[in-house]
Structure formats: C-alpha cells, structure tokens
Amino acid sequence: MEKAGKIKAWLVSFELMRIVFIKTGGGVLVEQLEISRAFMLLEPGPVVLVTTNDGKKDNIMTISWTMVMDFTPVFAMTTGEWNYSFRALRTTKECVVAVPTVDMLDKVVGIGTCSGSDTDKFTKFKLTPVKGKMVKAPLIQECLANIECRVIDIIKRHNIVILEALAAYFDTSRKEKRTVHAVGDGTFIVDGRKLDRRMLMASKLPAGV
C-alpha cells in the first residue's frame, strides 16, 4: 500500500455488488460502484402504469423508466417485446400513462410481475377503467394523474417509445399525492419535501408553469 496522503483502495465483495472504497489523504471515503449498477444512481421516475387497448381488451403494464423530453409535452419510456402490452402499443400507437401513489405500490409491483396474456389486471388488482376523450386506452380512476398519449416514434435499437401528450387529468381530491421512484434493485424511494425555486428559475420556465 502507498504511504499516508496517497490514495488507498480496498476491494470489498458484497452479495449483490462489488464496491471499491477509496480513501483520500484528506480522509474522505467514497464508494466506487461497479459500472453495471451505475443506472441505479440516475433512475428516473415516477413509476407509472401504462394502459393499452388492442381492440379486444384493456391491459396495464408497469413502467419505471420514463423521462420528460421537452415542454410541448413529449415523453419517453422504455419498453419492448418482452411486455405483452407492447404489441397493442405499437399497433394502435396510443396509450394512457397513469401516475400511481405510494399507497398503490403493492398493486404496481403486482401488475409488473404478471402478464396480460393470461390475466385481467383491472379485475385482479381491483382498478377502475375510465373512458378517455382522445384514445381508446382507459384512464385508471385510482391513480393521481392520467395522461392520454399517442406514439410518435419508436427507437428500436434502445427500446425507447416516444409519446406526445394529448390530454391530462389530475385528481385534486386525493389526500395521498406522494409518488414512488424505482431504484432498480427492487427498492423504491418516496417523494419527499417540495422546494419552491420558481422565482430563481423564471427565465428557464415556459409561460404558465
């Protein structure tokens, strides 16, 4: 090992990951994650439920990788052939993105761990489909928010679906408004305290926000 003042490193093996502990001369301890787990540091959110209708039945899938692309609004999410709903999404080019709250977490996980090919998820998880105005895919009454969307692009190489919002709804009567964010290892983070910096960011925000 190097003398004091130079970087020292220890390799520590854990069941799920290897972490490199690096101690600098100043005594600062940092953890170097394996690169395969770096996505856990930038996980987006919130976790959403996406509904589709293939012309025969409604279905729901859980999506944890989503992002806002601009203020128009255009969104992106990651999904592909491994999801039963993807075929309906690709064919109809429409869906509803529903935002559940923390009290729905077990249902959200359950929806994401069974297949619509042999399960009526609305019935199994006691959710209520609501007819939308712009698309055939249903809204979910129990969710905090619902966004009717149309598919405007699919980037096959990275399994990214680009969505344009057509109509949006927010349930102001709901007491629980905290959403959840997936870490990627089966754990979730709940929304915390809301901080207001709108005045400082005024030059960067679109009109009306």
C-alpha atoms as a PDB file:
ATOM      1  CA  MET A   1       0.000   0.000   0.000  1.00  0.00           C
ATOM      2  CA  GLU A   2       1.076   3.610  -0.611  1.00  0.00           C
ATOM      3  CA  LYS A   3       2.107   5.878   2.254  1.00  0.00           C
ATOM      4  CA  ALA A   4      -0.381   8.141   4.049  1.00  0.00           C
ATOM      5  CA  GLY A   5      -1.572  11.025   1.897  1.00  0.00           C
ATOM      6  CA  LYS A   6      -1.825   8.923  -1.259  1.00  0.00           C
ATOM      7  CA  ILE A   7      -4.950   7.149  -2.388  1.00  0.00           C
ATOM      8  CA  LYS A   8      -5.639   3.811  -0.717  1.00  0.00           C
ATOM      9  CA  ALA A   9      -8.187   1.355  -2.042  1.00  0.00           C
ATOM     10  CA  TRP A  10      -9.868  -1.655  -0.586  1.00  0.00           C
ATOM     11  CA  LEU A  11     -11.949  -4.116  -2.619  1.00  0.00           C
ATOM     12  CA  VAL A  12     -14.966  -5.339  -0.703  1.00  0.00           C
ATOM     13  CA  SER A  13     -17.252  -8.095  -2.002  1.00  0.00           C
ATOM     14  CA  PHE A  14     -20.970  -7.941  -1.298  1.00  0.00           C
ATOM     15  CA  GLU A  15     -23.647 -10.400  -2.310  1.00  0.00           C
ATOM     16  CA  LEU A  16     -25.181  -8.049  -4.884  1.00  0.00           C
ATOM     17  CA  MET A  17     -22.273  -5.808  -5.909  1.00  0.00           C
ATOM     18  CA  ARG A  18     -18.594  -5.055  -5.515  1.00  0.00           C
ATOM     19  CA  ILE A  19     -17.777  -1.646  -4.130  1.00  0.00           C
ATOM     20  CA  VAL A  20     -14.358  -0.021  -4.198  1.00  0.00           C
ATOM     21  CA  PHE A  21     -13.779   2.098  -1.096  1.00  0.00           C
ATOM     22  CA  ILE A  22     -11.321   4.867  -1.902  1.00  0.00           C
ATOM     23  CA  LYS A  23      -9.827   6.838   0.956  1.00  0.00           C
ATOM     24  CA  THR A  24      -8.009  10.028   0.062  1.00  0.00           C
ATOM     25  CA  GLY A  25      -5.315  11.783   2.011  1.00  0.00           C
ATOM     26  CA  GLY A  26      -7.937  14.143   3.367  1.00  0.00           C
ATOM     27  CA  GLY A  27      -9.806  11.242   4.916  1.00  0.00           C
ATOM     28  CA  VAL A  28     -12.761  11.397   2.536  1.00  0.00           C
ATOM     29  CA  LEU A  29     -14.335   7.993   1.904  1.00  0.00           C
ATOM     30  CA  VAL A  30     -16.141   7.370  -1.375  1.00  0.00           C
ATOM     31  CA  GLU A  31     -17.650   4.250  -2.868  1.00  0.00           C
ATOM     32  CA  GLN A  32     -16.964   3.211  -6.448  1.00  0.00           C
ATOM     33  CA  LEU A  33     -19.839   1.152  -7.802  1.00  0.00           C
ATOM     34  CA  GLU A  34     -19.480  -1.462 -10.483  1.00  0.00           C
ATOM     35  CA  ILE A  35     -20.369   0.172 -13.789  1.00  0.00           C
ATOM     36  CA  SER A  36     -23.187  -2.345 -14.353  1.00  0.00           C
ATOM     37  CA  ARG A  37     -25.034  -0.785 -11.412  1.00  0.00           C
ATOM     38  CA  ALA A  38     -24.494   2.867 -12.324  1.00  0.00           C
ATOM     39  CA  PHE A  39     -28.078   3.129 -13.616  1.00  0.00           C
ATOM     40  CA  MET A  40     -29.267   2.966 -10.003  1.00  0.00           C
ATOM     41  CA  LEU A  41     -27.755   6.408  -9.404  1.00  0.00           C
ATOM     42  CA  LEU A  42     -29.793   8.066 -12.184  1.00  0.00           C
ATOM     43  CA  GLU A  43     -33.081   6.169 -12.025  1.00  0.00           C
ATOM     44  CA  PRO A  44     -35.894   8.385 -13.321  1.00  0.00           C
ATOM     45  CA  GLY A  45     -39.401   8.483 -12.047  1.00  0.00           C
ATOM     46  CA  PRO A  46     -42.048   8.320 -11.014  1.00  0.00           C
ATOM     47  CA  VAL A  47     -43.062   4.723 -11.604  1.00  0.00           C
ATOM     48  CA  VAL A  48     -46.121   4.753 -13.868  1.00  0.00           C
ATOM     49  CA  LEU A  49     -48.850   2.438 -15.082  1.00  0.00           C
ATOM     50  CA  VAL A  50     -49.403   2.392 -18.842  1.00  0.00           C
ATOM     51  CA  THR A  51     -52.734   1.207 -20.224  1.00  0.00           C
ATOM     52  CA  THR A  52     -53.473  -0.029 -23.733  1.00  0.00           C
ATOM     53  CA  ASN A  53     -56.440  -1.406 -25.641  1.00  0.00           C
ATOM     54  CA  ASP A  54     -55.852  -3.802 -28.533  1.00  0.00           C
ATOM     55  CA  GLY A  55     -59.449  -3.628 -29.728  1.00  0.00           C
ATOM     56  CA  LYS A  56     -60.476  -6.607 -27.611  1.00  0.00           C
ATOM     57  CA  LYS A  57     -59.426  -5.849 -24.055  1.00  0.00           C
ATOM     58  CA  ASP A  58     -57.744  -3.334 -21.797  1.00  0.00           C
ATOM     59  CA  ASN A  59     -54.361  -4.061 -20.275  1.00  0.00           C
ATOM     60  CA  ILE A  60     -51.907  -2.415 -17.877  1.00  0.00           C
ATOM     61  CA  MET A  61     -48.132  -2.584 -17.602  1.00  0.00           C
ATOM     62  CA  THR A  62     -45.787  -1.080 -15.035  1.00  0.00           C
ATOM     63  CA  ILE A  63     -43.015   1.164 -16.375  1.00  0.00           C
ATOM     64  CA  SER A  64     -40.224   2.512 -14.176  1.00  0.00           C
ATOM     65  CA  TRP A  65     -38.022   4.077 -16.869  1.00  0.00           C
ATOM     66  CA  THR A  66     -39.627   7.292 -18.115  1.00  0.00           C
ATOM     67  CA  MET A  67     -38.477  10.815 -18.866  1.00  0.00           C
ATOM     68  CA  VAL A  68     -39.780  14.207 -19.949  1.00  0.00           C
ATOM     69  CA  MET A  69     -38.172  15.262 -23.249  1.00  0.00           C
ATOM     70  CA  ASP A  70     -39.429  18.834 -23.586  1.00  0.00           C
ATOM     71  CA  PHE A  71     -42.187  21.234 -22.568  1.00  0.00           C
ATOM     72  CA  THR A  72     -44.507  20.507 -25.530  1.00  0.00           C
ATOM     73  CA  PRO A  73     -45.059  17.948 -23.796  1.00  0.00           C
ATOM     74  CA  VAL A  74     -43.260  14.908 -25.187  1.00  0.00           C
ATOM     75  CA  PHE A  75     -42.308  11.929 -23.026  1.00  0.00           C
ATOM     76  CA  ALA A  76     -40.178   8.823 -23.462  1.00  0.00           C
ATOM     77  CA  MET A  77     -40.383   5.409 -21.850  1.00  0.00           C
ATOM     78  CA  THR A  78     -38.517   2.149 -22.197  1.00  0.00           C
ATOM     79  CA  THR A  79     -40.441  -0.989 -23.159  1.00  0.00           C
ATOM     80  CA  GLY A  80     -40.318  -3.683 -25.811  1.00  0.00           C
ATOM     81  CA  GLU A  81     -41.375  -7.127 -27.000  1.00  0.00           C
ATOM     82  CA  TRP A  82     -40.931  -8.588 -23.508  1.00  0.00           C
ATOM     83  CA  ASN A  83     -44.064  -6.706 -22.420  1.00  0.00           C
ATOM     84  CA  TYR A  84     -47.380  -8.148 -23.595  1.00  0.00           C
ATOM     85  CA  SER A  85     -48.791  -4.615 -23.959  1.00  0.00           C
ATOM     86  CA  PHE A  86     -46.090  -3.589 -26.412  1.00  0.00           C
ATOM     87  CA  ARG A  87     -47.878  -5.192 -29.366  1.00  0.00           C
ATOM     88  CA  ALA A  88     -51.014  -3.117 -28.729  1.00  0.00           C
ATOM     89  CA  LEU A  89     -48.898  -0.022 -28.143  1.00  0.00           C
ATOM     90  CA  ARG A  90     -47.084  -0.487 -31.450  1.00  0.00           C
ATOM     91  CA  THR A  91     -50.255  -1.319 -33.399  1.00  0.00           C
ATOM     92  CA  THR A  92     -52.673   1.286 -32.030  1.00  0.00           C
ATOM     93  CA  LYS A  93     -49.998   3.924 -31.391  1.00  0.00           C
ATOM     94  CA  GLU A  94     -51.801   5.151 -28.298  1.00  0.00           C
ATOM     95  CA  CYS A  95     -51.882   4.637 -24.544  1.00  0.00           C
ATOM     96  CA  VAL A  96     -52.578   6.271 -21.198  1.00  0.00           C
ATOM     97  CA  VAL A  97     -49.781   6.993 -18.745  1.00  0.00           C
ATOM     98  CA  ALA A  98     -51.275   6.835 -15.245  1.00  0.00           C
ATOM     99  CA  VAL A  99     -49.376   8.024 -12.171  1.00  0.00           C
ATOM    100  CA  PRO A 100     -49.983   5.903  -9.044  1.00  0.00           C
ATOM    101  CA  THR A 101     -49.228   6.970  -5.477  1.00  0.00           C
ATOM    102  CA  VAL A 102     -47.252   5.249  -2.742  1.00  0.00           C
ATOM    103  CA  ASP A 103     -50.345   3.600  -1.244  1.00  0.00           C
ATOM    104  CA  MET A 104     -50.724   1.691  -4.539  1.00  0.00           C
ATOM    105  CA  LEU A 105     -47.162   0.337  -4.578  1.00  0.00           C
ATOM    106  CA  ASP A 106     -48.020  -3.333  -3.992  1.00  0.00           C
ATOM    107  CA  LYS A 107     -50.549  -3.215  -6.826  1.00  0.00           C
ATOM    108  CA  VAL A 108     -47.990  -1.513  -9.063  1.00  0.00           C
ATOM    109  CA  VAL A 109     -45.436  -4.253  -8.360  1.00  0.00           C
ATOM    110  CA  GLY A 110     -48.063  -6.957  -8.827  1.00  0.00           C
ATOM    111  CA  ILE A 111     -49.103  -5.528 -12.193  1.00  0.00           C
ATOM    112  CA  GLY A 112     -45.480  -5.529 -13.294  1.00  0.00           C
ATOM    113  CA  THR A 113     -44.867  -9.137 -12.299  1.00  0.00           C
ATOM    114  CA  CYS A 114     -47.744 -10.819 -14.139  1.00  0.00           C
ATOM    115  CA  SER A 115     -48.708 -10.909 -17.812  1.00  0.00           C
ATOM    116  CA  GLY A 116     -51.768  -9.521 -19.521  1.00  0.00           C
ATOM    117  CA  SER A 117     -51.677 -12.538 -21.830  1.00  0.00           C
ATOM    118  CA  ASP A 118     -53.425 -14.610 -19.153  1.00  0.00           C
ATOM    119  CA  THR A 119     -54.534 -12.020 -16.583  1.00  0.00           C
ATOM    120  CA  ASP A 120     -57.251  -9.373 -16.496  1.00  0.00           C
ATOM    121  CA  LYS A 121     -55.227  -6.885 -14.488  1.00  0.00           C
ATOM    122  CA  PHE A 122     -58.057  -4.418 -13.905  1.00  0.00           C
ATOM    123  CA  THR A 123     -60.084  -7.195 -12.259  1.00  0.00           C
ATOM    124  CA  LYS A 124     -57.226  -8.845 -10.378  1.00  0.00           C
ATOM    125  CA  PHE A 125     -55.942  -5.613  -8.856  1.00  0.00           C
ATOM    126  CA  LYS A 126     -59.383  -4.022  -8.391  1.00  0.00           C
ATOM    127  CA  LEU A 127     -58.724  -0.980 -10.549  1.00  0.00           C
ATOM    128  CA  THR A 128     -61.379   1.003 -12.385  1.00  0.00           C
ATOM    129  CA  PRO A 129     -61.036   1.756 -16.124  1.00  0.00           C
ATOM    130  CA  VAL A 130     -62.390   5.147 -17.175  1.00  0.00           C
ATOM    131  CA  LYS A 131     -63.101   6.106 -20.776  1.00  0.00           C
ATOM    132  CA  GLY A 132     -60.839   8.867 -22.055  1.00  0.00           C
ATOM    133  CA  LYS A 133     -61.538  11.594 -24.593  1.00  0.00           C
ATOM    134  CA  MET A 134     -58.690  11.137 -27.062  1.00  0.00           C
ATOM    135  CA  VAL A 135     -57.656   7.458 -27.061  1.00  0.00           C
ATOM    136  CA  LYS A 136     -59.278   4.033 -26.625  1.00  0.00           C
ATOM    137  CA  ALA A 137     -56.903   3.033 -23.837  1.00  0.00           C
ATOM    138  CA  PRO A 138     -58.588   3.666 -20.464  1.00  0.00           C
ATOM    139  CA  LEU A 139     -57.641   6.007 -17.666  1.00  0.00           C
ATOM    140  CA  ILE A 140     -57.222   4.477 -14.192  1.00  0.00           C
ATOM    141  CA  GLN A 141     -59.618   6.063 -11.706  1.00  0.00           C
ATOM    142  CA  GLU A 142     -57.499   5.208  -8.648  1.00  0.00           C
ATOM    143  CA  CYS A 143     -54.379   6.977  -9.952  1.00  0.00           C
ATOM    144  CA  LEU A 144     -53.356  10.507  -9.027  1.00  0.00           C
ATOM    145  CA  ALA A 145     -52.940  11.596 -12.645  1.00  0.00           C
ATOM    146  CA  ASN A 146     -53.645  10.280 -16.136  1.00  0.00           C
ATOM    147  CA  ILE A 147     -52.170  11.396 -19.462  1.00  0.00           C
ATOM    148  CA  GLU A 148     -53.681  10.342 -22.780  1.00  0.00           C
ATOM    149  CA  CYS A 149     -50.877   9.854 -25.297  1.00  0.00           C
ATOM    150  CA  ARG A 150     -50.124   8.901 -28.862  1.00  0.00           C
ATOM    151  CA  VAL A 151     -46.940   7.200 -30.014  1.00  0.00           C
ATOM    152  CA  ILE A 152     -44.929   9.445 -32.332  1.00  0.00           C
ATOM    153  CA  ASP A 153     -41.771   7.349 -32.605  1.00  0.00           C
ATOM    154  CA  ILE A 154     -40.216   4.050 -31.538  1.00  0.00           C
ATOM    155  CA  ILE A 155     -36.431   3.822 -31.365  1.00  0.00           C
ATOM    156  CA  LYS A 156     -35.981   0.067 -31.760  1.00  0.00           C
ATOM    157  CA  ARG A 157     -32.255  -0.019 -31.069  1.00  0.00           C
ATOM    158  CA  HIS A 158     -32.770   1.174 -27.496  1.00  0.00           C
ATOM    159  CA  ASN A 159     -36.415   0.106 -26.961  1.00  0.00           C
ATOM    160  CA  ILE A 160     -37.494   3.710 -26.445  1.00  0.00           C
ATOM    161  CA  VAL A 161     -41.079   4.771 -27.128  1.00  0.00           C
ATOM    162  CA  ILE A 162     -41.678   8.488 -27.694  1.00  0.00           C
ATOM    163  CA  LEU A 163     -45.093   9.783 -26.627  1.00  0.00           C
ATOM    164  CA  GLU A 164     -46.960  13.019 -27.227  1.00  0.00           C
ATOM    165  CA  ALA A 165     -49.491  14.033 -24.571  1.00  0.00           C
ATOM    166  CA  LEU A 166     -52.988  14.740 -25.889  1.00  0.00           C
ATOM    167  CA  ALA A 167     -54.891  15.342 -22.641  1.00  0.00           C
ATOM    168  CA  ALA A 168     -54.008  15.272 -18.949  1.00  0.00           C
ATOM    169  CA  TYR A 169     -56.016  14.908 -15.746  1.00  0.00           C
ATOM    170  CA  PHE A 170     -55.102  15.360 -12.059  1.00  0.00           C
ATOM    171  CA  ASP A 171     -57.200  14.195  -9.097  1.00  0.00           C
ATOM    172  CA  THR A 172     -57.108  17.146  -6.694  1.00  0.00           C
ATOM    173  CA  SER A 173     -59.395  15.348  -4.220  1.00  0.00           C
ATOM    174  CA  ARG A 174     -56.797  12.695  -3.418  1.00  0.00           C
ATOM    175  CA  LYS A 175     -55.188  13.053   0.016  1.00  0.00           C
ATOM    176  CA  GLU A 176     -52.173  10.871  -0.813  1.00  0.00           C
ATOM    177  CA  LYS A 177     -50.154  12.592  -3.522  1.00  0.00           C
ATOM    178  CA  ARG A 178     -46.695  11.089  -2.996  1.00  0.00           C
ATOM    179  CA  THR A 179     -45.377   9.114  -5.947  1.00  0.00           C
ATOM    180  CA  VAL A 180     -42.676   6.441  -5.927  1.00  0.00           C
ATOM    181  CA  HIS A 181     -39.390   6.134  -7.790  1.00  0.00           C
ATOM    182  CA  ALA A 182     -37.702   2.808  -8.547  1.00  0.00           C
ATOM    183  CA  VAL A 183     -34.055   2.393  -7.582  1.00  0.00           C
ATOM    184  CA  GLY A 184     -33.748  -0.628  -9.857  1.00  0.00           C
ATOM    185  CA  ASP A 185     -32.955  -3.296  -7.293  1.00  0.00           C
ATOM    186  CA  GLY A 186     -36.467  -3.931  -6.009  1.00  0.00           C
ATOM    187  CA  THR A 187     -36.462  -0.941  -3.661  1.00  0.00           C
ATOM    188  CA  PHE A 188     -38.297   2.353  -4.075  1.00  0.00           C
ATOM    189  CA  ILE A 189     -37.948   5.954  -2.931  1.00  0.00           C
ATOM    190  CA  VAL A 190     -40.974   8.033  -1.941  1.00  0.00           C
ATOM    191  CA  ASP A 191     -41.396  11.700  -2.858  1.00  0.00           C
ATOM    192  CA  GLY A 192     -40.137  13.995  -0.139  1.00  0.00           C
ATOM    193  CA  ARG A 193     -40.406  17.687   0.721  1.00  0.00           C
ATOM    194  CA  LYS A 194     -41.256  20.036  -2.142  1.00  0.00           C
ATOM    195  CA  LEU A 195     -38.946  23.046  -2.529  1.00  0.00           C
ATOM    196  CA  ASP A 196     -40.049  26.141  -4.440  1.00  0.00           C
ATOM    197  CA  ARG A 197     -37.409  27.884  -6.585  1.00  0.00           C
ATOM    198  CA  ARG A 198     -39.724  29.143  -9.312  1.00  0.00           C
ATOM    199  CA  MET A 199     -38.641  32.773  -8.955  1.00  0.00           C
ATOM    200  CA  LEU A 200     -34.977  31.850  -9.360  1.00  0.00           C
ATOM    201  CA  MET A 201     -35.763  29.686 -12.398  1.00  0.00           C
ATOM    202  CA  ALA A 202     -38.283  32.040 -14.028  1.00  0.00           C
ATOM    203  CA  SER A 203     -36.086  32.680 -17.074  1.00  0.00           C
ATOM    204  CA  LYS A 204     -35.918  28.947 -17.815  1.00  0.00           C
ATOM    205  CA  LEU A 205     -39.569  28.026 -17.324  1.00  0.00           C
ATOM    206  CA  PRO A 206     -42.269  28.073 -20.017  1.00  0.00           C
ATOM    207  CA  ALA A 207     -45.140  30.531 -19.713  1.00  0.00           C
ATOM    208  CA  GLY A 208     -47.961  29.395 -17.480  1.00  0.00           C
ATOM    209  CA  VAL A 209     -45.950  26.976 -15.337  1.00  0.00           C
END
